[in-house]
């Protein structure tokens, strides 16, 4: 026991409690009409959140419209529930903004969010793999001004929007009105975004869309094989997304998983790929469709490491043949892009998937390849300028000024010199396909043929020495893009040795 001196007293001294003012804020609910959503086929209000789907309910249950089940070997529905390509857009002058998100437990490889302010990527936020409810906080890059924010959701996870928090006195403003072409990308993990973390903003479809000013819908599913039923996403009888217009540009990049699948054959791939592209045309008759053959890979084997006898090169050729066949049947809006040379081994993370730099490189290469199709030189002003520059304004497009067998219009297409005979061009133009059919291909920056001219493939067995060149049946007329150039191929229908002529040439004749 401790005895205190009588003079000592325990005294409680009063103290002042200073009140700390709480910063007022404005809460924006998730369903506010000022928040626009790009890249989601379906947007639903669910209790306290806004949820996003890239696919219809049927497809997320792996069911066809008639209720029958789509085999899991076609695609994984959990991977389909991720939010690759989905972007939130809103405009505000608030000095700071908080975006409140919620992890939705599906296939989840991380929550990486990008924030773009007035077109510039300013914030990259990695909230981890299982963050639960989390907040992305950003400061305005333009204090005192209204800023349009674009928030890219994770490519390999799924989230719901819980709302926004703005500073007191601020609200959402009208977003800038933009009339952008719509781009839809289909494919497997390469298009979904494997290799770029869980960052939508690093995927090649997103980067391509940003370069071109397009609105993106990424319908790729990692691990998927070619699935005709995925064309259901474009059926306006099932969803009302397309009430204001369907996709204007569509790309398809499938093949690697089809090659690796132990059950599906090359014939299966051809049939399903053809059916899918035909469905795209049926649903979007005004869209330009680019079929990209499988990219370069350093792993030409099945996913399980076994060799099932199928080579990726066969799938590349098959895509080209499908497009060639469809174009010969009048599908003029379908184009082929040779994907193999667009990236190299050093652009790959694991022999198959792209590094972020590889995805950026592919986006640039695809932009160059698509551009001649999307903005062709429709008039002949380019030809006239070219002729004037060479001092031959009156030369006819069908004439052969240097007697090398190349009519002037072909010299123009090939960027050749019409004053210099260059027979070596023919060695670069003539080839034979896998069916022993001779073909001639032209590739150059200019591929417009005057309306009053026709191109005819002619054949001979002795180079015309004793037997005149005569027209031969041309089975396929291929128009494809390659490295930003136009390319046309004329293929002799009959194989050499089975009625086909031993030599072929192209002639330009009046219509």
Protein backbone atom coordinates (compact mmCIF):
# COMPACT_ATOMS: atom_id res chain seq x y z
CA UNK A 1 0.00 0.00 0.00
CA UNK A 2 1.30 3.38 -1.01
CA UNK A 3 0.53 6.38 1.21
CA UNK A 4 0.30 9.72 -0.52
CA UNK A 5 1.24 12.89 1.39
CA UNK A 6 -1.80 14.77 2.59
CA UNK A 7 -0.78 17.77 0.53
CA UNK A 8 -0.92 15.76 -2.67
CA UNK A 9 -4.15 15.58 -4.53
CA UNK A 10 -5.03 13.81 -7.78
CA UNK A 11 -6.22 16.61 -9.98
CA UNK A 12 -7.96 16.08 -13.39
CA UNK A 13 -7.11 19.01 -15.62
CA UNK A 14 -9.64 19.96 -18.21
CA UNK A 15 -8.54 19.87 -21.91
CA UNK A 16 -10.09 21.18 -25.04
CA UNK A 17 -11.43 18.83 -27.73
CA UNK A 18 -10.68 20.31 -31.13
CA UNK A 19 -13.24 19.27 -33.74
CA UNK A 20 -11.77 18.18 -37.09
CA UNK A 21 -14.08 19.07 -39.96
CA UNK A 22 -15.02 16.12 -42.17
CA UNK A 23 -14.57 16.83 -45.86
CA UNK A 24 -18.01 16.81 -47.48
CA UNK A 25 -18.42 14.66 -50.55
CA UNK A 26 -20.95 13.76 -53.21
CA UNK A 27 -21.92 10.12 -53.71
CA UNK A 28 -22.78 9.07 -57.26
CA UNK A 29 -24.83 5.85 -57.42
CA UNK A 30 -23.65 3.14 -59.85
CA UNK A 31 -26.70 3.49 -62.07
CA UNK A 32 -26.28 7.23 -62.65
CA UNK A 33 -26.98 7.99 -66.34
CA UNK A 34 -23.79 10.08 -66.46
CA UNK A 35 -21.74 6.87 -66.27
CA UNK A 36 -21.48 5.32 -69.72
CA UNK A 37 -20.29 1.75 -70.27
CA UNK A 38 -18.38 0.60 -73.35
CA UNK A 39 -17.62 -3.00 -74.23
CA UNK A 40 -20.34 -4.70 -72.16
CA UNK A 41 -23.03 -6.55 -74.05
CA UNK A 42 -25.33 -6.47 -71.02
CA UNK A 43 -25.32 -4.00 -68.07
CA UNK A 44 -27.50 -4.86 -65.07
CA UNK A 45 -28.43 -3.07 -61.88
CA UNK A 46 -28.16 -5.59 -59.02
CA UNK A 47 -28.93 -4.33 -55.52
CA UNK A 48 -26.18 -1.82 -54.72
CA UNK A 49 -24.01 -2.42 -57.77
CA UNK A 50 -23.84 -2.27 -61.54
CA UNK A 51 -22.74 -5.53 -63.17
CA UNK A 52 -21.34 -6.19 -66.63
CA UNK A 53 -21.46 -9.08 -69.09
CA UNK A 54 -19.60 -9.57 -72.34
CA UNK A 55 -21.91 -12.42 -73.37
CA UNK A 56 -25.58 -13.37 -73.23
CA UNK A 57 -27.00 -15.38 -70.34
CA UNK A 58 -27.29 -18.45 -72.58
CA UNK A 59 -23.65 -18.28 -73.60
CA UNK A 60 -22.52 -17.83 -70.00
CA UNK A 61 -24.38 -21.07 -69.26
CA UNK A 62 -22.82 -22.65 -72.37
CA UNK A 63 -26.21 -23.12 -73.97
CA UNK A 64 -27.50 -22.54 -77.45
CA UNK A 65 -30.74 -20.69 -78.02
CA UNK A 66 -32.58 -24.01 -78.22
CA UNK A 67 -31.30 -24.98 -74.76
CA UNK A 68 -28.77 -27.58 -75.91
CA UNK A 69 -25.37 -27.55 -74.23
CA UNK A 70 -22.19 -26.24 -75.86
CA UNK A 71 -19.30 -28.54 -74.96
CA UNK A 72 -16.74 -27.17 -72.53
CA UNK A 73 -14.03 -27.98 -75.10
CA UNK A 74 -15.28 -24.96 -77.03
CA UNK A 75 -14.85 -22.42 -74.23
CA UNK A 76 -14.84 -21.96 -70.47
CA UNK A 77 -17.82 -19.94 -69.21
CA UNK A 78 -15.90 -18.65 -66.18
CA UNK A 79 -13.27 -17.09 -68.42
CA UNK A 80 -16.10 -15.64 -70.48
CA UNK A 81 -17.32 -13.78 -67.38
CA UNK A 82 -14.18 -11.64 -67.15
CA UNK A 83 -14.34 -7.99 -68.17
CA UNK A 84 -11.72 -7.65 -70.90
CA UNK A 85 -12.31 -4.54 -72.97
CA UNK A 86 -14.97 -3.00 -70.71
CA UNK A 87 -14.56 0.72 -69.98
CA UNK A 88 -16.50 3.16 -67.75
CA UNK A 89 -16.72 6.76 -68.97
CA UNK A 90 -17.81 9.87 -67.04
CA UNK A 91 -17.02 13.59 -66.97
CA UNK A 92 -16.56 15.81 -63.93
CA UNK A 93 -14.63 18.82 -62.70
CA UNK A 94 -14.06 17.33 -59.24
CA UNK A 95 -10.41 17.73 -58.14
CA UNK A 96 -10.41 14.13 -56.92
CA UNK A 97 -12.46 11.09 -57.87
CA UNK A 98 -12.95 7.77 -56.13
CA UNK A 99 -14.17 4.76 -58.14
CA UNK A 100 -15.64 2.07 -55.90
CA UNK A 101 -15.46 -1.47 -57.29
CA UNK A 102 -16.30 -4.94 -56.05
CA UNK A 103 -14.56 -8.19 -56.91
CA UNK A 104 -16.95 -10.66 -58.53
CA UNK A 105 -15.68 -14.19 -57.83
CA UNK A 106 -15.12 -15.82 -61.19
CA UNK A 107 -11.89 -16.56 -63.07
CA UNK A 108 -9.57 -14.08 -61.39
CA UNK A 109 -5.96 -13.29 -62.27
CA UNK A 110 -5.75 -9.86 -60.69
CA UNK A 111 -7.51 -6.51 -60.53
CA UNK A 112 -5.51 -4.07 -62.62
CA UNK A 113 -7.36 -0.90 -63.52
CA UNK A 114 -6.33 1.88 -65.86
CA UNK A 115 -7.56 5.48 -65.65
CA UNK A 116 -7.44 7.67 -68.74
CA UNK A 117 -8.02 11.40 -68.43
CA UNK A 118 -8.92 13.35 -71.56
CA UNK A 119 -7.36 10.63 -73.71
CA UNK A 120 -4.13 10.13 -71.72
CA UNK A 121 -3.42 7.17 -69.47
CA UNK A 122 -2.59 8.74 -66.10
CA UNK A 123 -3.09 6.03 -63.48
CA UNK A 124 -2.36 2.31 -63.33
CA UNK A 125 -3.76 0.66 -60.20
CA UNK A 126 -3.11 -2.94 -59.15
CA UNK A 127 -5.54 -3.86 -56.36
CA UNK A 128 -4.26 -7.43 -56.06
CA UNK A 129 -5.87 -10.75 -56.84
CA UNK A 130 -8.65 -10.85 -54.23
CA UNK A 131 -9.32 -7.28 -53.06
CA UNK A 132 -13.02 -7.72 -52.22
CA UNK A 133 -14.51 -4.22 -52.25
CA UNK A 134 -11.87 -1.68 -53.24
CA UNK A 135 -11.49 1.93 -54.26
CA UNK A 136 -9.43 3.49 -57.04
CA UNK A 137 -8.58 7.08 -56.05
CA UNK A 138 -7.30 9.55 -58.63
CA UNK A 139 -6.51 13.25 -58.70
CA UNK A 140 -7.45 15.36 -61.67
CA UNK A 141 -4.62 15.88 -64.12
CA UNK A 142 -6.32 19.16 -65.13
CA UNK A 143 -7.30 21.00 -61.93
CA UNK A 144 -10.01 23.55 -62.43
CA UNK A 145 -11.22 21.92 -65.65
CA UNK A 146 -13.77 19.32 -66.56
CA UNK A 147 -12.13 15.98 -67.29
CA UNK A 148 -13.53 12.98 -69.15
CA UNK A 149 -12.41 9.83 -67.32
CA UNK A 150 -12.22 6.41 -68.94
CA UNK A 151 -11.71 3.57 -66.46
CA UNK A 152 -10.61 0.30 -68.02
CA UNK A 153 -11.72 -2.71 -66.02
CA UNK A 154 -9.45 -5.76 -65.53
CA UNK A 155 -9.05 -8.07 -68.52
CA UNK A 156 -8.69 -11.25 -66.47
CA UNK A 157 -11.13 -10.63 -63.61
CA UNK A 158 -14.66 -9.37 -63.20
CA UNK A 159 -15.88 -6.44 -61.15
CA UNK A 160 -19.07 -4.61 -60.29
CA UNK A 161 -19.34 -0.84 -59.90
CA UNK A 162 -20.48 0.37 -56.48
CA UNK A 163 -20.45 4.07 -57.39
CA UNK A 164 -18.28 7.17 -57.41
CA UNK A 165 -17.30 9.74 -54.80
CA UNK A 166 -16.72 13.34 -55.88
CA UNK A 167 -15.77 16.37 -53.84
CA UNK A 168 -18.48 18.62 -52.45
CA UNK A 169 -20.05 20.92 -54.99
CA UNK A 170 -19.28 18.73 -57.99
CA UNK A 171 -21.38 16.32 -60.01
CA UNK A 172 -21.25 14.42 -63.26
CA UNK A 173 -21.45 16.37 -66.49
CA UNK A 174 -22.51 15.27 -69.94
CA UNK A 175 -19.87 13.21 -71.71
CA UNK A 176 -18.62 14.48 -75.06
CA UNK A 177 -20.78 13.15 -77.86
CA UNK A 178 -18.78 10.89 -80.14
CA UNK A 179 -19.89 8.93 -83.18
CA UNK A 180 -17.29 6.19 -83.25
CA UNK A 181 -17.13 3.08 -85.43
CA UNK A 182 -17.70 -0.10 -83.42
CA UNK A 183 -14.99 -2.77 -83.41
CA UNK A 184 -15.65 -6.35 -82.25
CA UNK A 185 -12.72 -8.73 -81.66
CA UNK A 186 -13.16 -12.52 -81.47
CA UNK A 187 -10.54 -15.10 -80.58
CA UNK A 188 -8.75 -16.95 -77.82
CA UNK A 189 -6.32 -15.94 -75.05
CA UNK A 190 -4.09 -13.98 -77.44
CA UNK A 191 -6.99 -11.60 -78.08
CA UNK A 192 -8.40 -11.88 -74.54
CA UNK A 193 -5.14 -10.47 -73.16
CA UNK A 194 -2.98 -13.25 -71.73
CA UNK A 195 0.58 -11.96 -71.45
CA UNK A 196 -0.44 -8.42 -70.52
CA UNK A 197 -1.26 -9.13 -66.88
CA UNK A 198 -4.88 -8.24 -66.21
CA UNK A 199 -4.64 -4.89 -67.97
CA UNK A 200 -7.28 -4.21 -70.60
CA UNK A 201 -5.37 -1.11 -71.67
CA UNK A 202 -2.38 -3.24 -72.75
CA UNK A 203 -4.32 -5.73 -74.90
CA UNK A 204 -3.94 -5.44 -78.66
CA UNK A 205 -7.70 -4.99 -79.40
CA UNK A 206 -7.84 -2.08 -76.96
CA UNK A 207 -4.70 -0.48 -78.36
CA UNK A 208 -5.93 -0.91 -81.93
CA UNK A 209 -9.28 0.63 -81.03
CA UNK A 210 -7.55 3.57 -79.31
CA UNK A 211 -5.35 4.21 -82.35
CA UNK A 212 -8.33 4.18 -84.68
CA UNK A 213 -10.85 5.97 -82.46
CA UNK A 214 -13.14 2.93 -82.33
CA UNK A 215 -15.49 1.70 -79.63
CA UNK A 216 -14.33 -1.78 -78.57
CA UNK A 217 -16.17 -4.98 -77.74
CA UNK A 218 -13.70 -7.74 -76.90
CA UNK A 219 -15.51 -11.08 -77.28
CA UNK A 220 -12.39 -13.23 -76.97
CA UNK A 221 -12.29 -16.08 -74.43
CA UNK A 222 -8.98 -17.45 -73.24
CA UNK A 223 -8.57 -21.14 -74.05
CA UNK A 224 -11.44 -21.17 -76.54
CA UNK A 225 -11.57 -22.97 -79.85
CA UNK A 226 -13.50 -21.67 -82.83
CA UNK A 227 -17.11 -21.46 -81.66
CA UNK A 228 -19.81 -20.58 -84.21
CA UNK A 229 -22.33 -19.93 -81.42
CA UNK A 230 -20.40 -16.88 -80.23
CA UNK A 231 -21.93 -15.03 -83.15
CA UNK A 232 -25.07 -14.96 -80.95
CA UNK A 233 -23.65 -11.84 -79.31
CA UNK A 234 -24.52 -9.94 -82.49
CA UNK A 235 -28.14 -11.11 -82.59
CA UNK A 236 -30.29 -8.09 -81.82
CA UNK A 237 -33.21 -10.42 -81.15
CA UNK A 238 -31.39 -11.53 -77.99
CA UNK A 239 -29.86 -8.27 -76.79
CA UNK A 240 -30.69 -4.62 -77.41
CA UNK A 241 -27.06 -3.46 -77.41
CA UNK A 242 -27.09 -2.92 -81.16
CA UNK A 243 -30.21 -0.77 -81.43
CA UNK A 244 -28.08 2.18 -82.55
CA UNK A 245 -25.90 0.18 -84.92
CA UNK A 246 -23.94 -3.07 -85.05
CA UNK A 247 -20.14 -3.46 -85.33
CA UNK A 248 -18.53 -1.84 -88.33
CA UNK A 249 -15.22 -3.71 -88.08
CA UNK A 250 -14.74 -7.29 -86.88
CA UNK A 251 -11.54 -9.28 -86.42
CA UNK A 252 -11.19 -13.03 -85.90
CA UNK A 253 -8.01 -14.69 -84.57
CA UNK A 254 -8.49 -18.38 -83.80
CA UNK A 255 -6.47 -21.47 -84.57
CA UNK A 256 -3.85 -22.21 -81.95
CA UNK A 257 -6.17 -23.99 -79.52
CA UNK A 258 -7.94 -25.74 -82.40
CA UNK A 259 -4.58 -27.09 -83.46
CA UNK A 260 -3.79 -28.24 -79.91
CA UNK A 261 -7.16 -29.87 -79.24
CA UNK A 262 -6.80 -33.68 -79.24
CA UNK A 263 -10.30 -34.31 -80.62
CA UNK A 264 -10.99 -31.56 -83.15
CA UNK A 265 -9.56 -32.11 -86.62
CA UNK A 266 -8.43 -29.63 -89.25
CA UNK A 267 -11.67 -30.35 -91.11
CA UNK A 268 -13.63 -29.49 -87.97
CA UNK A 269 -11.77 -26.19 -87.79
CA UNK A 270 -12.52 -25.40 -91.43
CA UNK A 271 -16.21 -26.16 -91.01
CA UNK A 272 -16.68 -24.26 -87.75
CA UNK A 273 -14.59 -21.26 -88.85
CA UNK A 274 -16.56 -21.00 -92.11
CA UNK A 275 -19.87 -21.25 -90.27
CA UNK A 276 -18.79 -18.58 -87.80
CA UNK A 277 -17.72 -16.07 -90.47
CA UNK A 278 -20.90 -16.72 -92.47
CA UNK A 279 -22.86 -15.98 -89.29
CA UNK A 280 -20.93 -12.73 -88.82
CA UNK A 281 -21.89 -11.67 -92.34
CA UNK A 282 -25.52 -12.60 -91.72
CA UNK A 283 -25.67 -10.60 -88.49
CA UNK A 284 -23.53 -7.67 -89.69
CA UNK A 285 -23.87 -7.46 -93.49
CA UNK A 286 -22.30 -3.99 -93.57
CA UNK A 287 -19.27 -4.84 -91.42
CA UNK A 288 -15.75 -5.32 -92.74
CA UNK A 289 -14.46 -8.65 -91.42
CA UNK A 290 -10.73 -9.38 -91.06
CA UNK A 291 -9.74 -13.02 -90.62
CA UNK A 292 -6.24 -13.12 -89.12
CA UNK A 293 -4.27 -16.33 -89.50
CA UNK A 294 -2.49 -17.62 -86.36
CA UNK A 295 0.47 -15.49 -85.30
CA UNK A 296 4.04 -16.68 -85.12
CA UNK A 297 4.73 -19.14 -82.32
CA UNK A 298 7.78 -20.93 -80.99
CA UNK A 299 5.62 -23.70 -79.50
CA UNK A 300 4.08 -25.70 -82.33
CA UNK A 301 2.62 -28.42 -80.14
CA UNK A 302 -0.57 -29.36 -78.37
CA UNK A 303 -1.38 -27.69 -75.08
CA UNK A 304 -0.42 -30.83 -73.17
CA UNK A 305 2.97 -31.02 -74.87
CA UNK A 306 2.14 -33.97 -77.09
CA UNK A 307 2.48 -33.99 -80.85
CA UNK A 308 -0.88 -34.84 -82.38
CA UNK A 309 0.40 -34.52 -85.94
CA UNK A 310 -1.27 -31.18 -86.60
CA UNK A 311 0.88 -28.18 -87.51
CA UNK A 312 -0.03 -24.56 -86.99
CA UNK A 313 1.03 -23.85 -90.58
CA UNK A 314 -1.93 -25.95 -91.78
CA UNK A 315 -4.29 -23.75 -89.79
CA UNK A 316 -2.76 -20.61 -91.27
CA UNK A 317 -3.29 -21.94 -94.79
CA UNK A 318 -6.83 -23.02 -93.94
CA UNK A 319 -7.84 -19.54 -92.83
CA UNK A 320 -6.53 -18.13 -96.09
CA UNK A 321 -8.34 -20.79 -98.10
CA UNK A 322 -11.60 -20.13 -96.25
CA UNK A 323 -11.43 -16.42 -97.01
CA UNK A 324 -10.45 -17.07 -100.63
CA UNK A 325 -13.37 -19.44 -101.09
CA UNK A 326 -15.85 -17.05 -99.46
CA UNK A 327 -14.69 -14.15 -101.58
CA UNK A 328 -15.08 -16.23 -104.72
CA UNK A 329 -18.69 -16.78 -103.61
CA UNK A 330 -19.33 -13.05 -103.30
CA UNK A 331 -18.44 -12.32 -99.67
CA UNK A 332 -16.61 -9.14 -100.64
CA UNK A 333 -16.55 -7.77 -97.08
CA UNK A 334 -14.34 -10.62 -95.79
CA UNK A 335 -10.55 -10.09 -95.89
CA UNK A 336 -7.51 -12.12 -94.96
CA UNK A 337 -4.56 -10.87 -92.93
CA UNK A 338 -1.45 -13.03 -92.74
CA UNK A 339 -0.77 -12.97 -89.00
CA UNK A 340 2.52 -14.86 -88.93
CA UNK A 341 4.88 -12.02 -89.98
CA UNK A 342 3.19 -9.35 -87.85
CA UNK A 343 5.11 -10.29 -84.70
CA UNK A 344 8.33 -12.19 -83.99
CA UNK A 345 9.54 -14.65 -81.37
CA UNK A 346 10.97 -11.83 -79.27
CA UNK A 347 7.51 -10.30 -78.98
CA UNK A 348 6.20 -13.39 -77.17
CA UNK A 349 6.10 -13.99 -73.43
CA UNK A 350 5.92 -17.77 -73.48
CA UNK A 351 6.18 -18.82 -77.11
CA UNK A 352 2.48 -18.17 -77.75
CA UNK A 353 1.19 -15.10 -75.91
CA UNK A 354 2.28 -11.53 -76.49
CA UNK A 355 4.29 -9.37 -74.15
CA UNK A 356 2.79 -5.89 -73.66
CA UNK A 357 5.28 -4.57 -76.21
CA UNK A 358 4.29 -7.37 -78.58
CA UNK A 359 0.61 -6.50 -78.20
CA UNK A 360 1.44 -2.89 -79.00
CA UNK A 361 3.42 -4.00 -82.05
CA UNK A 362 0.56 -6.19 -83.26
CA UNK A 363 -1.92 -3.34 -82.85
CA UNK A 364 0.25 -1.14 -85.07
CA UNK A 365 0.70 -3.88 -87.66
CA UNK A 366 -3.03 -4.57 -87.80
CA UNK A 367 -3.75 -0.88 -88.16
CA UNK A 368 -1.44 -0.75 -91.17
CA UNK A 369 -2.93 -3.92 -92.65
CA UNK A 370 -6.54 -2.79 -92.22
CA UNK A 371 -6.10 0.77 -93.40
CA UNK A 372 -6.02 0.12 -97.17
CA UNK A 373 -9.32 -1.74 -96.88
CA UNK A 374 -11.02 0.80 -94.65
CA UNK A 375 -9.83 3.85 -96.61
CA UNK A 376 -9.13 2.61 -100.15
CA UNK A 377 -8.01 4.77 -103.03
CA UNK A 378 -11.40 4.56 -104.75
CA UNK A 379 -10.78 7.05 -107.55
CA UNK A 380 -8.03 6.85 -110.10
CA UNK A 381 -6.42 10.14 -109.17
CA UNK A 382 -3.45 8.28 -107.73
CA UNK A 383 -2.83 6.52 -111.04
CA UNK A 384 -3.07 9.76 -112.99
CA UNK A 385 -0.65 11.52 -110.64
CA UNK A 386 1.74 8.58 -110.92
CA UNK A 387 1.62 8.67 -114.72
CA UNK A 388 2.11 12.43 -114.82
CA UNK A 389 5.12 12.15 -112.53
CA UNK A 390 6.70 9.65 -114.94
CA UNK A 391 6.02 11.80 -118.00
CA UNK A 392 3.41 9.52 -119.54
CA UNK A 393 0.07 11.27 -118.96
CA UNK A 394 -1.56 9.76 -122.05
CA UNK A 395 -0.48 6.15 -121.51
CA UNK A 396 -3.30 3.62 -121.35
CA UNK A 397 -3.53 1.46 -118.19
CA UNK A 398 -3.51 -1.70 -120.34
CA UNK A 399 -0.39 -0.74 -122.30
CA UNK A 400 3.05 -2.30 -121.72
CA UNK A 401 5.51 0.55 -122.17
CA UNK A 402 8.67 -1.44 -121.40
CA UNK A 403 7.58 -4.76 -123.00
CA UNK A 404 8.22 -6.82 -119.87
CA UNK A 405 4.78 -8.43 -119.84
CA UNK A 406 3.46 -6.17 -117.08
CA UNK A 407 0.67 -3.85 -118.19
CA UNK A 408 0.97 -0.31 -116.91
CA UNK A 409 -1.79 -0.81 -114.33
CA UNK A 410 0.22 -3.69 -112.82
CA UNK A 411 3.36 -1.57 -112.73
CA UNK A 412 1.36 0.99 -110.77
CA UNK A 413 0.05 -1.65 -108.35
CA UNK A 414 3.56 -2.99 -107.76
CA UNK A 415 5.24 0.43 -107.51
CA UNK A 416 7.47 -0.72 -110.35
CA UNK A 417 9.29 1.38 -112.97
CA UNK A 418 7.35 1.27 -116.26
CA UNK A 419 10.42 2.57 -118.16
CA UNK A 420 12.56 -0.39 -117.15
CA UNK A 421 11.92 -3.96 -118.23
CA UNK A 422 12.08 -6.10 -115.10
CA UNK A 423 11.18 -9.71 -115.82
CA UNK A 424 12.23 -10.72 -112.30
CA UNK A 425 8.87 -9.45 -111.10
CA UNK A 426 7.26 -12.55 -112.56
CA UNK A 427 9.43 -14.85 -110.46
CA UNK A 428 8.09 -13.09 -107.37
CA UNK A 429 4.47 -13.10 -108.53
CA UNK A 430 3.91 -16.65 -109.78
CA UNK A 431 3.54 -19.58 -107.41
CA UNK A 432 1.87 -22.94 -106.90
CA UNK A 433 -0.48 -23.80 -104.05
CA UNK A 434 -0.73 -27.07 -102.13
CA UNK A 435 -3.09 -28.48 -104.79
CA UNK A 436 -0.60 -27.89 -107.65
CA UNK A 437 -2.59 -24.96 -108.98
CA UNK A 438 -0.63 -22.09 -110.44
CA UNK A 439 -1.47 -18.60 -109.23
CA UNK A 440 -0.32 -15.03 -109.71
CA UNK A 441 -0.41 -12.53 -106.85
CA UNK A 442 0.04 -8.79 -106.96
CA UNK A 443 0.83 -6.85 -103.80
CA UNK A 444 1.37 -3.11 -103.53
CA UNK A 445 0.05 0.13 -102.11
CA UNK A 446 -2.36 0.70 -105.03
CA UNK A 447 -4.89 -1.91 -106.03
CA UNK A 448 -7.62 0.01 -107.85
CA UNK A 449 -8.44 -1.32 -111.30
CA UNK A 450 -10.31 1.03 -113.69
CA UNK A 451 -13.95 0.11 -114.15
CA UNK A 452 -13.52 -0.27 -117.93
CA UNK A 453 -10.84 -2.96 -117.59
CA UNK A 454 -10.90 -6.63 -116.59
CA UNK A 455 -8.07 -8.85 -115.43
CA UNK A 456 -7.95 -12.24 -117.12
CA UNK A 457 -5.79 -15.22 -116.16
CA UNK A 458 -4.47 -16.89 -119.32
CA UNK A 459 -2.67 -20.21 -119.71
CA UNK A 460 -0.35 -22.00 -122.11
CA UNK A 461 1.65 -25.21 -122.21
CA UNK A 462 4.65 -23.76 -124.11
CA UNK A 463 4.75 -20.08 -123.16
CA UNK A 464 2.74 -19.23 -126.24
CA UNK A 465 5.47 -20.28 -128.68
CA UNK A 466 3.24 -22.51 -130.82
CA UNK A 467 -0.01 -22.38 -128.90
CA UNK A 468 -1.77 -19.10 -128.23
CA UNK A 469 -2.41 -17.93 -124.71
CA UNK A 470 -6.05 -18.55 -123.87
CA UNK A 471 -8.18 -17.67 -120.83
CA UNK A 472 -8.35 -20.37 -118.16
CA UNK A 473 -10.98 -20.90 -115.52
CA UNK A 474 -10.09 -18.87 -112.45
CA UNK A 475 -11.40 -20.63 -109.41
CA UNK A 476 -10.51 -18.08 -106.76
CA UNK A 477 -10.09 -14.35 -106.67
CA UNK A 478 -8.47 -13.43 -103.36
CA UNK A 479 -8.28 -9.91 -101.99
CA UNK A 480 -6.30 -9.78 -98.79
CA UNK A 481 -4.26 -7.35 -96.78
CA UNK A 482 -0.66 -7.95 -95.89
CA UNK A 483 1.70 -5.58 -94.09
CA UNK A 484 -0.47 -2.62 -95.01
CA UNK A 485 -0.60 -3.52 -98.69
CA UNK A 486 -3.32 -4.75 -100.97
CA UNK A 487 -2.83 -8.20 -102.46
CA UNK A 488 -4.87 -9.90 -105.18
CA UNK A 489 -4.34 -13.50 -106.24
CA UNK A 490 -5.69 -15.21 -109.36
CA UNK A 491 -5.62 -19.02 -109.11
CA UNK A 492 -5.97 -21.47 -112.01
CA UNK A 493 -8.89 -23.74 -111.12
CA UNK A 494 -7.39 -26.95 -112.51
CA UNK A 495 -4.15 -28.37 -111.07
CA UNK A 496 -1.17 -28.75 -113.37
CA UNK A 497 -1.23 -32.28 -114.77
CA UNK A 498 -4.99 -32.53 -114.34
CA UNK A 499 -6.00 -30.23 -117.14
CA UNK A 500 -4.30 -27.12 -115.85
CA UNK A 501 -1.90 -25.23 -118.10
CA UNK A 502 1.84 -25.35 -117.32
CA UNK A 503 2.23 -21.58 -117.57
CA UNK A 504 -0.06 -18.71 -116.64
CA UNK A 505 -0.05 -14.97 -117.14
CA UNK A 506 -2.33 -12.04 -116.45
CA UNK A 507 -3.81 -9.89 -119.16
CA UNK A 508 -5.75 -6.68 -118.92
CA UNK A 509 -8.59 -6.40 -121.44
CA UNK A 510 -11.42 -3.91 -121.99
CA UNK A 511 -14.75 -4.86 -120.45
